[in-house]
Structure formats: structure tokens, C-alpha cells
Amino acid sequence: MLCTPVTMKSHVKPILMVLIMISTSLAGCITGDSGDDNVPVTAVFSYSPTTDIRTGDSVELDASASLPQDGSLTYSWDCDGDGAADETGQKTDCSWEVEGTYSVTLTVASGGISNAQTKDITVTEAPVGTPVAEITQYADEEDCLYEDVDETRSILVWICAMDKSQSDREVTETTTVQLDGSDSQSGGDSEYITTWNWDLDLEYDSDGDGNLENDADLTGENVEWKDVVHGEYEVNLSVTNSAGSMDGDKIKVYVSYYGEWKDFQIDGNNSGSPKVLEFDMPVVYDRDQGNTIRKVETILTYPQVDDDCVLGDSQCANTLNLYAFNEEDDEAANTSETDNENRDAGECDDDENYCVMLLLSSYMFTETESTYGDGEWIMQIRNNRWNDVQIESMVIILHYK
């Protein structure tokens, strides 16, 4: 382009105007559309420690920086590069028993869209004389319905409250989790393990030494972790050998719950308002703590027609409904739109019963504006009919794995 000299007096104002117009027109191109609220599905993860990773070490994987951060993402981890998922969850850990470089892949998905990130992690052989901490993995052989449990990486146990009283409509039972560190190795024939320290809360430094994972909440090679409520946990075992060397191992502990109330009655509606029975259940969804419920199932089984009714099927037909309320008494879901012919979710024993299920996914409990949050939830049975109903069973299942 040819440039023609101009004098300051005659052309300074037009030049300034042109520069301003060009600058204004380019501004939108540089900054982009600030009104676009769509966040692409993006996998982002970090790991710790990042160096000097030895065989047997637990490496923490953290995908909390992935997008979007609205609670809609699912997380899948391939720890050994074989294309198969080894772990799930926003935070987890992997370890390797053979030295080498491993391609670790995080895949996140939301609404049918997925994205992946892969990082190479180099693992070297642990030096002679270094102990190896190892927590023994186990799971209940069967869940509360005698279905086989298939779990090989975490500790998975069930609380089975199979015959709860109608007067006790709360989920309060606890269990004892056995923790076994006997598979740990001392680091050599001349060494022996002197201490086994179990840290049950990896977010709190109870001994104040700056290390969140070496507290001695329980000590011993084999310990009983008592009064454990349903939830998802991660514990760490720290071992020290006679030479003063240390090692740690972490494992996820999942405690799920099954509660069943059998053969009880709900009164009929004789006052213009439905009769209501309430069941209280604490639900935990804490992403920072890595304690997140997967889903809640509530199944109600009751007779289609009362046995003692003499007014005919049309007058004696039963229709009970389930309602779910969060800690703020917001109604989150109900079964009132489920037609009677579709009330078989509970796999009724015979044709004389209805079974209606209310399923609450983990997204119902995430801490976002569009969901209801965790806390003390209430499940209600409502009877709008004039007659009382003898209920066969009410089941609440809290799945943490």
C-alpha cells in the first residue's frame, strides 16, 4: 500500500477518527463473545506426588479442575493405559507394583459429550530397606439382597437393617470396618515394622505436623474402625520400619445402606388432607471430602386392593405415593404421575401388589443452584384415599458405590 505524507494540521483529526474506528471494530474480535455461557467439557487433572514415585506408592489423582464444574460430570480413570476404566470419581488414587512409565487417562463426560486427558507417570523401583505399606482389600460377598458383590480395588461393606420398627423411621445404623495392614512389607530380612498408623480423615491434620495423611487415628497391624455411618471414605496406612523408613498406602472405603420396614399401616384420609408417614435419611454429597452418594432408591410395596374391604374394587383401590424433601423442605421429586399399570418397579411378588420406586440420582444432591443439596432428607408415604392401607414393605437404599 502507498503512503502519502500528510501535514499534522490538516489531517490529524481524520487519522485519529480512523484509528478509533479500527480499534473499536477489532475489540470484539480480540475479547470474544462475553455473553456465551456454554462451557466445553474439558478433562483436566493433576497428580501428587509428581516426582520420586516408587513401586507400591499411592499417587493421588485429582480432576477437580475439569469443566464444567456444575456437578454434571462423570469421571473415569485408566491407570495402566490398557483402555479399561480402573477407577471412578473426581478424586482417586493409583499405584503400580512394577517400575515403568504408565499412561494415565482421565475421561470426563456430561450430557453425552466426553473429553480426555492423558499424562505419563514414571514409577521407579523402591530402594532396598524401604518398607511397603499395603492395606488388604476386601468386600462383602453379598449385598443385603444376597446379590454377589464384585469389587477388587476398594473396601465395600453394607449396613443391612432388614426389619426396622415402624416407630424407628430413621436411618441411624452404623457398622464396624475391619482394616488390615498385615500384607505390608518391612523392607528386608533384617528389618521389621515398628508402627502401623491409620489416618481416617485425610482432610484434617490432627497431630499438627503438616502432613494430612499420617495421623494415628488408630494404631496396629489389624484394627477395628467402629461406629462408621454410610458414606464414601478414604483412609491411609503409614508404616515405619526398624530403620526409621516410612511408606504409606491409601484405599477407598464405601459403606452403603439398606433399610426395610415391613407390615405396617398408614391411616386413611378422613380430614381432607392426605395421611403422611415420614422417614428420615441423612445424605452426604461432599466433593471436597470425596464423600459423594451415587444414588438413593426408595421402593414402596402395597396391595392393589385391601383384603378387608367390602365395597368393591373401585371403592377399595389403593394408590400410595412417595415424596422426597431436602433439608430445606423443598420438594425434590414424587411418584404422583406414575400410573397404576406402571407400578412394578419394585418387582412385586405377585399380581396383587403395587410397587412404586422413587430414584434420586447423585445430581439431586450436588451443591449447585439447580439442585437440592445434601443433608437430612425426608421420604414421605402419602395416602389420599379414605381407607387405611396395610403396607407390605418400605425400602430405602443409599448407594455409595
Protein backbone atom coordinates (compact mmCIF):
# COMPACT_ATOMS: atom_id res chain seq x y z
CA MET A 1 0.00 0.00 0.00
CA LEU A 2 1.33 3.50 -0.86
CA CYS A 3 1.52 6.08 1.89
CA THR A 4 1.21 9.80 1.20
CA PRO A 5 2.84 12.27 3.60
CA VAL A 6 0.35 14.45 5.38
CA THR A 7 0.67 17.55 7.46
CA MET A 8 -0.25 17.50 11.14
CA LYS A 9 -2.62 20.42 10.93
CA SER A 10 -4.80 19.24 8.05
CA HIS A 11 -5.06 15.52 8.75
CA VAL A 12 -4.56 14.82 12.44
CA LYS A 13 -8.28 14.67 13.26
CA PRO A 14 -9.26 12.29 10.41
CA ILE A 15 -6.37 9.96 11.31
CA LEU A 16 -7.44 9.87 14.94
CA MET A 17 -11.01 9.11 13.94
CA VAL A 18 -9.88 6.22 11.68
CA LEU A 19 -7.71 4.75 14.46
CA ILE A 20 -10.56 4.92 16.93
CA MET A 21 -12.93 3.22 14.49
CA ILE A 22 -10.41 0.43 13.74
CA SER A 23 -9.70 -0.09 17.44
CA THR A 24 -13.40 -0.30 18.23
CA SER A 25 -14.10 -2.77 15.43
CA LEU A 26 -11.23 -5.05 16.49
CA ALA A 27 -12.15 -5.04 20.17
CA GLY A 28 -14.92 -7.63 19.75
CA CYS A 29 -12.60 -9.89 17.73
CA ILE A 30 -9.94 -9.84 20.43
CA THR A 31 -12.08 -10.43 23.50
CA GLY A 32 -14.66 -12.84 22.00
CA ASP A 33 -18.33 -13.09 22.85
CA SER A 34 -18.58 -12.48 26.59
CA GLY A 35 -22.24 -13.48 26.55
CA ASP A 36 -21.56 -17.17 25.71
CA ASP A 37 -22.36 -19.19 28.83
CA ASN A 38 -21.60 -22.60 27.28
CA VAL A 39 -18.65 -24.28 28.99
CA PRO A 40 -17.00 -27.06 26.96
CA VAL A 41 -16.50 -30.46 28.55
CA THR A 42 -12.79 -30.47 29.39
CA ALA A 43 -10.74 -33.08 31.25
CA VAL A 44 -8.04 -31.61 33.49
CA PHE A 45 -6.21 -33.49 36.22
CA SER A 46 -3.20 -33.23 38.48
CA TYR A 47 -1.38 -35.86 40.49
CA SER A 48 0.65 -35.96 43.69
CA PRO A 49 3.45 -36.67 44.29
CA THR A 50 4.82 -35.65 40.91
CA THR A 51 8.38 -36.95 41.37
CA ASP A 52 10.23 -39.84 43.03
CA ILE A 53 7.26 -42.20 42.65
CA ARG A 54 8.23 -45.71 43.72
CA THR A 55 6.61 -49.09 43.19
CA GLY A 56 3.77 -49.57 45.63
CA ASP A 57 3.32 -45.82 46.25
CA SER A 58 -0.22 -44.41 46.11
CA VAL A 59 -0.47 -41.48 43.73
CA GLU A 60 -3.45 -39.18 44.25
CA LEU A 61 -5.30 -38.17 41.09
CA ASP A 62 -7.41 -35.00 41.22
CA ALA A 63 -9.84 -33.96 38.46
CA SER A 64 -11.48 -31.08 40.33
CA ALA A 65 -10.22 -28.56 37.72
CA SER A 66 -12.22 -30.26 34.94
CA LEU A 67 -15.05 -28.33 33.29
CA PRO A 68 -17.92 -27.68 33.69
CA GLN A 69 -17.94 -27.52 37.47
CA ASP A 70 -21.70 -27.79 37.89
CA GLY A 71 -21.83 -31.32 39.27
CA SER A 72 -22.85 -32.89 35.95
CA LEU A 73 -19.52 -34.57 35.12
CA THR A 74 -18.74 -38.25 35.47
CA TYR A 75 -15.12 -39.28 35.90
CA SER A 76 -13.35 -42.41 34.63
CA TRP A 77 -9.66 -43.23 35.18
CA ASP A 78 -7.47 -45.63 33.20
CA CYS A 79 -4.38 -46.08 35.38
CA ASP A 80 -2.38 -48.51 33.27
CA GLY A 81 -3.06 -47.47 29.69
CA ASP A 82 -4.97 -50.59 28.71
CA GLY A 83 -8.11 -48.67 27.68
CA ALA A 84 -10.23 -50.02 30.55
CA ALA A 85 -11.55 -47.93 33.46
CA ASP A 86 -9.79 -48.74 36.73
CA GLU A 87 -11.30 -46.05 38.98
CA THR A 88 -14.17 -43.55 39.03
CA GLY A 89 -14.81 -40.35 40.96
CA GLN A 90 -13.44 -36.84 40.93
CA LYS A 91 -10.55 -37.85 43.20
CA THR A 92 -8.94 -41.25 43.41
CA ASP A 93 -5.52 -42.86 43.57
CA CYS A 94 -3.49 -45.44 41.65
CA SER A 95 -0.42 -47.47 42.44
CA TRP A 96 1.87 -49.72 40.40
CA GLU A 97 3.85 -52.75 41.51
CA VAL A 98 6.25 -52.83 38.54
CA GLU A 99 8.57 -50.00 37.55
CA GLY A 100 7.95 -48.28 34.24
CA THR A 101 6.17 -45.34 32.62
CA TYR A 102 2.38 -45.55 32.69
CA SER A 103 -0.07 -43.54 30.59
CA VAL A 104 -2.84 -42.40 32.92
CA THR A 105 -6.01 -41.16 31.20
CA LEU A 106 -8.88 -39.20 32.71
CA THR A 107 -12.14 -39.20 30.75
CA VAL A 108 -14.94 -36.85 31.79
CA ALA A 109 -18.44 -36.88 30.34
CA SER A 110 -21.57 -34.76 30.57
CA GLY A 111 -24.75 -34.87 28.50
CA GLY A 112 -23.33 -37.36 26.01
CA ILE A 113 -20.17 -35.29 25.43
CA SER A 114 -16.79 -36.56 26.64
CA ASN A 115 -13.20 -35.38 26.75
CA ALA A 116 -9.96 -36.99 27.87
CA GLN A 117 -6.51 -36.01 29.11
CA THR A 118 -3.50 -38.35 29.33
CA LYS A 119 -0.33 -37.92 31.35
CA ASP A 120 2.69 -40.21 31.66
CA ILE A 121 3.71 -41.16 35.20
CA THR A 122 7.14 -42.73 35.75
CA VAL A 123 7.48 -45.30 38.53
CA THR A 124 10.87 -46.49 39.79
CA GLU A 125 11.78 -49.48 41.93
CA ALA A 126 11.65 -48.83 45.67
CA PRO A 127 15.15 -48.98 47.21
CA VAL A 128 16.20 -51.90 49.38
CA GLY A 129 15.33 -51.31 53.02
CA THR A 130 12.23 -49.25 52.31
CA PRO A 131 9.03 -50.69 53.80
CA VAL A 132 5.91 -51.13 51.67
CA ALA A 133 2.57 -50.29 53.26
CA GLU A 134 -0.32 -52.34 51.93
CA ILE A 135 -3.95 -52.33 53.02
CA THR A 136 -5.78 -55.58 52.43
CA GLN A 137 -8.70 -55.07 50.06
CA TYR A 138 -11.98 -56.87 50.71
CA ALA A 139 -15.72 -56.55 50.19
CA ASP A 140 -18.88 -58.16 51.48
CA GLU A 141 -19.52 -61.31 49.46
CA GLU A 142 -23.16 -60.33 49.03
CA ASP A 143 -25.24 -57.21 49.40
CA CYS A 144 -28.35 -57.08 51.59
CA LEU A 145 -30.43 -58.85 48.91
CA TYR A 146 -27.90 -61.71 48.63
CA GLU A 147 -26.63 -60.49 45.28
CA ASP A 148 -22.94 -61.15 44.64
CA VAL A 149 -20.64 -58.16 45.17
CA ASP A 150 -17.86 -57.69 42.59
CA GLU A 151 -15.20 -55.36 43.96
CA THR A 152 -11.41 -55.77 43.72
CA ARG A 153 -9.91 -52.32 44.40
CA SER A 154 -11.78 -50.83 47.38
CA ILE A 155 -13.30 -51.89 50.67
CA LEU A 156 -17.06 -52.22 50.20
CA VAL A 157 -19.46 -53.09 53.02
CA TRP A 158 -23.21 -52.90 53.51
CA ILE A 159 -25.30 -51.91 56.51
CA CYS A 160 -28.34 -54.20 56.36
CA ALA A 161 -31.26 -53.10 58.57
CA MET A 162 -33.73 -55.68 57.34
CA ASP A 163 -36.57 -55.48 59.86
CA LYS A 164 -36.90 -51.97 61.20
CA SER A 165 -39.67 -50.97 63.56
CA GLN A 166 -42.37 -48.57 62.39
CA SER A 167 -41.57 -46.42 65.41
CA ASP A 168 -37.96 -46.07 64.21
CA ARG A 169 -38.28 -44.35 60.85
CA GLU A 170 -34.73 -43.00 60.79
CA VAL A 171 -31.53 -44.14 59.10
CA THR A 172 -29.14 -44.23 62.06
CA GLU A 173 -27.40 -47.61 61.98
CA THR A 174 -23.59 -47.82 61.91
CA THR A 175 -21.10 -50.60 61.25
CA THR A 176 -17.55 -51.66 62.09
CA VAL A 177 -14.97 -51.70 59.28
CA GLN A 178 -12.03 -54.08 59.63
CA LEU A 179 -8.71 -52.58 58.49
CA ASP A 180 -5.83 -54.98 57.85
CA GLY A 181 -2.24 -53.96 57.20
CA SER A 182 -0.67 -57.41 57.60
CA ASP A 183 0.33 -57.58 53.90
CA SER A 184 2.76 -54.69 54.44
CA GLN A 185 6.45 -55.48 53.97
CA SER A 186 9.27 -54.40 56.26
CA GLY A 187 11.84 -53.71 53.51
CA GLY A 188 14.27 -56.54 54.10
CA ASP A 189 15.05 -59.62 56.15
CA SER A 190 16.88 -57.56 58.73
CA GLU A 191 14.05 -55.05 59.15
CA TYR A 192 10.69 -55.20 60.85
CA ILE A 193 7.70 -52.85 61.02
CA THR A 194 7.51 -50.92 64.27
CA THR A 195 4.33 -48.87 63.78
CA TRP A 196 1.10 -49.04 61.79
CA ASN A 197 -0.76 -45.69 61.87
CA TRP A 198 -4.23 -45.43 60.34
CA ASP A 199 -5.40 -41.95 59.28
CA LEU A 200 -9.18 -41.94 58.91
CA ASP A 201 -9.62 -38.29 57.85
CA LEU A 202 -7.25 -37.12 55.12
CA GLU A 203 -8.60 -33.55 55.23
CA TYR A 204 -7.61 -32.93 58.85
CA ASP A 205 -4.11 -32.82 60.36
CA SER A 206 -4.83 -33.97 63.92
CA ASP A 207 -1.18 -34.16 65.01
CA GLY A 208 -0.29 -30.76 63.55
CA ASP A 209 2.85 -31.90 61.73
CA GLY A 210 1.78 -30.51 58.35
CA ASN A 211 1.11 -33.96 56.86
CA LEU A 212 -2.57 -34.69 56.33
CA GLU A 213 -2.08 -38.41 55.81
CA ASN A 214 -0.01 -39.74 58.71
CA ASP A 215 -2.22 -39.15 61.76
CA ALA A 216 -2.57 -42.05 64.18
CA ASP A 217 -6.36 -42.13 64.49
CA LEU A 218 -5.97 -45.88 65.02
CA THR A 219 -2.77 -47.87 65.57
CA GLY A 220 -1.95 -51.51 65.00
CA GLU A 221 -1.49 -54.06 62.26
CA ASN A 222 -5.19 -55.02 62.37
CA VAL A 223 -7.74 -52.55 63.73
CA GLU A 224 -11.49 -52.12 64.06
CA TRP A 225 -12.93 -48.82 62.83
CA LYS A 226 -16.13 -48.59 64.84
CA ASP A 227 -19.37 -46.62 64.51
CA VAL A 228 -18.95 -45.92 60.79
CA VAL A 229 -22.03 -44.41 59.16
CA HIS A 230 -22.91 -44.88 55.50
CA GLY A 231 -20.68 -42.89 53.16
CA GLU A 232 -17.57 -42.83 50.99
CA TYR A 233 -14.23 -42.58 52.77
CA GLU A 234 -10.51 -42.70 52.06
CA VAL A 235 -8.05 -43.93 54.69
CA ASN A 236 -4.26 -44.05 54.75
CA LEU A 237 -1.94 -46.54 56.40
CA SER A 238 1.54 -45.30 57.34
CA VAL A 239 4.13 -47.89 58.33
CA THR A 240 7.58 -47.31 59.79
CA ASN A 241 10.27 -49.98 59.89
CA SER A 242 13.09 -50.55 62.38
CA ALA A 243 15.46 -48.46 60.24
CA GLY A 244 13.14 -45.46 60.50
CA SER A 245 11.97 -45.59 56.88
CA MET A 246 8.30 -44.92 56.15
CA ASP A 247 5.73 -45.73 53.47
CA GLY A 248 2.01 -45.13 53.00
CA ASP A 249 -0.94 -46.76 51.27
CA LYS A 250 -4.46 -45.42 50.71
CA ILE A 251 -7.73 -47.16 49.99
CA LYS A 252 -11.33 -46.12 49.41
CA VAL A 253 -13.95 -47.41 51.83
CA TYR A 254 -17.58 -47.49 50.68
CA VAL A 255 -20.37 -48.10 53.21
CA SER A 256 -23.81 -48.46 51.61
CA TYR A 257 -27.13 -48.82 53.43
CA TYR A 258 -30.27 -50.93 53.03
CA GLY A 259 -33.20 -50.34 55.38
CA GLU A 260 -36.55 -52.13 55.22
CA TRP A 261 -39.79 -51.61 57.14
CA LYS A 262 -42.31 -54.48 56.84
CA ASP A 263 -46.03 -54.97 57.51
CA PHE A 264 -47.24 -51.63 58.84
CA GLN A 265 -50.29 -49.48 58.30
CA ILE A 266 -50.91 -45.97 57.03
CA ASP A 267 -54.25 -44.45 58.01
CA GLY A 268 -56.81 -43.21 55.53
CA ASN A 269 -57.60 -39.64 54.57
CA ASN A 270 -60.63 -38.64 56.63
CA SER A 271 -59.82 -34.99 57.25
CA GLY A 272 -59.40 -33.53 53.75
CA SER A 273 -55.61 -33.88 53.91
CA PRO A 274 -53.51 -36.90 52.96
CA LYS A 275 -52.20 -39.08 55.74
CA VAL A 276 -48.42 -38.96 55.83
CA LEU A 277 -45.64 -41.17 57.22
CA GLU A 278 -42.14 -39.68 57.22
CA PHE A 279 -38.77 -41.44 57.06
CA ASP A 280 -35.57 -39.51 57.81
CA MET A 281 -32.32 -40.24 55.99
CA PRO A 282 -29.02 -38.31 56.08
CA VAL A 283 -27.46 -37.96 52.63
CA VAL A 284 -23.84 -36.91 52.03
CA TYR A 285 -22.53 -35.26 48.86
CA ASP A 286 -19.26 -33.52 49.71
CA ARG A 287 -16.99 -33.19 46.68
CA ASP A 288 -14.16 -31.58 48.66
CA GLN A 289 -14.08 -34.50 51.08
CA GLY A 290 -14.52 -37.05 48.31
CA ASN A 291 -17.64 -38.33 50.07
CA THR A 292 -20.40 -38.44 47.48
CA ILE A 293 -23.52 -40.55 47.28
CA ARG A 294 -24.20 -42.24 43.93
CA LYS A 295 -27.96 -42.69 44.14
CA VAL A 296 -30.90 -43.24 46.51
CA GLU A 297 -33.61 -45.80 45.83
CA THR A 298 -36.91 -45.86 47.70
CA ILE A 299 -39.30 -48.74 46.95
CA LEU A 300 -42.83 -49.00 48.34
CA THR A 301 -44.85 -52.22 48.04
CA TYR A 302 -48.55 -52.30 48.97
CA PRO A 303 -51.71 -54.22 47.97
CA GLN A 304 -53.70 -53.06 44.98
CA VAL A 305 -56.92 -53.72 46.90
CA ASP A 306 -57.44 -54.11 50.65
CA ASP A 307 -58.30 -57.65 51.74
CA ASP A 308 -60.84 -56.43 54.30
CA CYS A 309 -62.71 -54.04 52.02
CA VAL A 310 -66.33 -55.00 51.21
CA LEU A 311 -67.30 -52.08 48.95
CA GLY A 312 -65.93 -53.42 45.67
CA ASP A 313 -62.63 -52.96 43.86
CA SER A 314 -63.47 -49.47 42.58
CA GLN A 315 -64.02 -48.23 46.14
CA CYS A 316 -61.14 -50.17 47.70
CA ALA A 317 -58.38 -49.50 45.18
CA ASN A 318 -55.19 -48.18 46.78
CA THR A 319 -52.80 -45.59 45.41
CA LEU A 320 -49.95 -44.57 47.67
CA ASN A 321 -47.22 -42.15 46.65
CA LEU A 322 -43.64 -41.35 47.65
CA TYR A 323 -42.40 -37.79 48.12
CA ALA A 324 -38.82 -36.60 48.68
CA PHE A 325 -37.91 -33.39 50.53
CA ASN A 326 -34.45 -31.95 51.10
CA GLU A 327 -33.11 -30.36 54.28
CA GLU A 328 -34.78 -27.04 53.41
CA ASP A 329 -38.15 -28.77 52.97
CA ASP A 330 -38.05 -28.25 49.21
CA GLU A 331 -39.95 -30.95 47.35
CA ALA A 332 -37.46 -32.63 45.02
CA ALA A 333 -39.49 -35.47 43.48
CA ASN A 334 -42.61 -37.59 43.83
CA THR A 335 -44.37 -40.53 42.18
CA SER A 336 -47.80 -38.97 41.75
CA GLU A 337 -47.52 -39.10 37.93
CA THR A 338 -46.82 -42.85 37.90
CA ASP A 339 -49.84 -44.71 36.57
CA ASN A 340 -51.01 -47.78 38.43
CA GLU A 341 -50.23 -50.05 35.49
CA ASN A 342 -46.60 -48.89 35.71
CA ARG A 343 -46.20 -49.52 39.43
CA ASP A 344 -43.99 -52.58 39.15
CA ALA A 345 -40.56 -51.00 39.80
CA GLY A 346 -40.14 -52.99 42.97
CA GLU A 347 -40.61 -56.34 41.22
CA CYS A 348 -43.71 -57.32 43.17
CA ASP A 349 -44.00 -60.88 44.37
CA ASP A 350 -47.44 -61.35 42.81
CA ASP A 351 -50.19 -59.60 40.86
CA GLU A 352 -51.96 -58.42 44.00
CA ASN A 353 -49.38 -55.76 44.91
CA TYR A 354 -48.21 -52.45 43.50
CA CYS A 355 -44.54 -51.48 43.72
CA VAL A 356 -43.55 -47.88 43.10
CA MET A 357 -39.98 -46.60 43.15
CA LEU A 358 -38.58 -43.10 43.60
CA LEU A 359 -34.99 -42.86 42.31
CA LEU A 360 -32.79 -39.90 43.26
CA SER A 361 -29.54 -39.60 41.29
CA SER A 362 -26.36 -38.05 42.66
CA TYR A 363 -27.10 -34.88 40.66
CA MET A 364 -30.03 -34.18 43.01
CA PHE A 365 -27.58 -33.64 45.88
CA THR A 366 -24.78 -31.62 44.24
CA GLU A 367 -24.10 -28.21 45.66
CA THR A 368 -25.30 -26.08 42.74
CA GLU A 369 -28.15 -23.68 42.25
CA SER A 370 -30.07 -26.13 40.09
CA THR A 371 -30.13 -28.98 42.63
CA TYR A 372 -31.32 -29.55 46.16
CA GLY A 373 -28.17 -30.20 48.23
CA ASP A 374 -27.36 -32.94 50.69
CA GLY A 375 -28.21 -33.12 54.39
CA GLU A 376 -31.16 -34.51 56.32
CA TRP A 377 -33.66 -35.62 53.69
CA ILE A 378 -37.22 -36.83 54.30
CA MET A 379 -39.04 -39.52 52.38
CA GLN A 380 -42.83 -39.48 52.76
CA ILE A 381 -45.56 -42.02 52.10
CA ARG A 382 -48.85 -40.27 51.35
CA ASN A 383 -52.33 -41.80 51.34
CA ASN A 384 -55.08 -39.70 49.76
CA ARG A 385 -57.66 -42.48 49.88
CA TRP A 386 -60.28 -42.63 52.62
CA ASN A 387 -59.30 -46.17 53.64
CA ASP A 388 -56.25 -47.20 55.61
CA VAL A 389 -53.68 -49.40 53.83
CA GLN A 390 -51.60 -52.25 55.23
CA ILE A 391 -48.20 -51.72 53.58
CA GLU A 392 -46.11 -54.75 52.73
CA SER A 393 -42.71 -53.02 52.75
CA MET A 394 -40.89 -49.70 52.54
CA VAL A 395 -37.22 -49.83 51.46
CA ILE A 396 -34.56 -47.11 51.46
CA ILE A 397 -31.22 -47.90 49.77
CA LEU A 398 -28.27 -45.49 49.90
CA HIS A 399 -25.68 -46.40 47.29
CA TYR A 400 -22.18 -45.02 47.82
CA LYS A 401 -20.50 -47.33 45.27
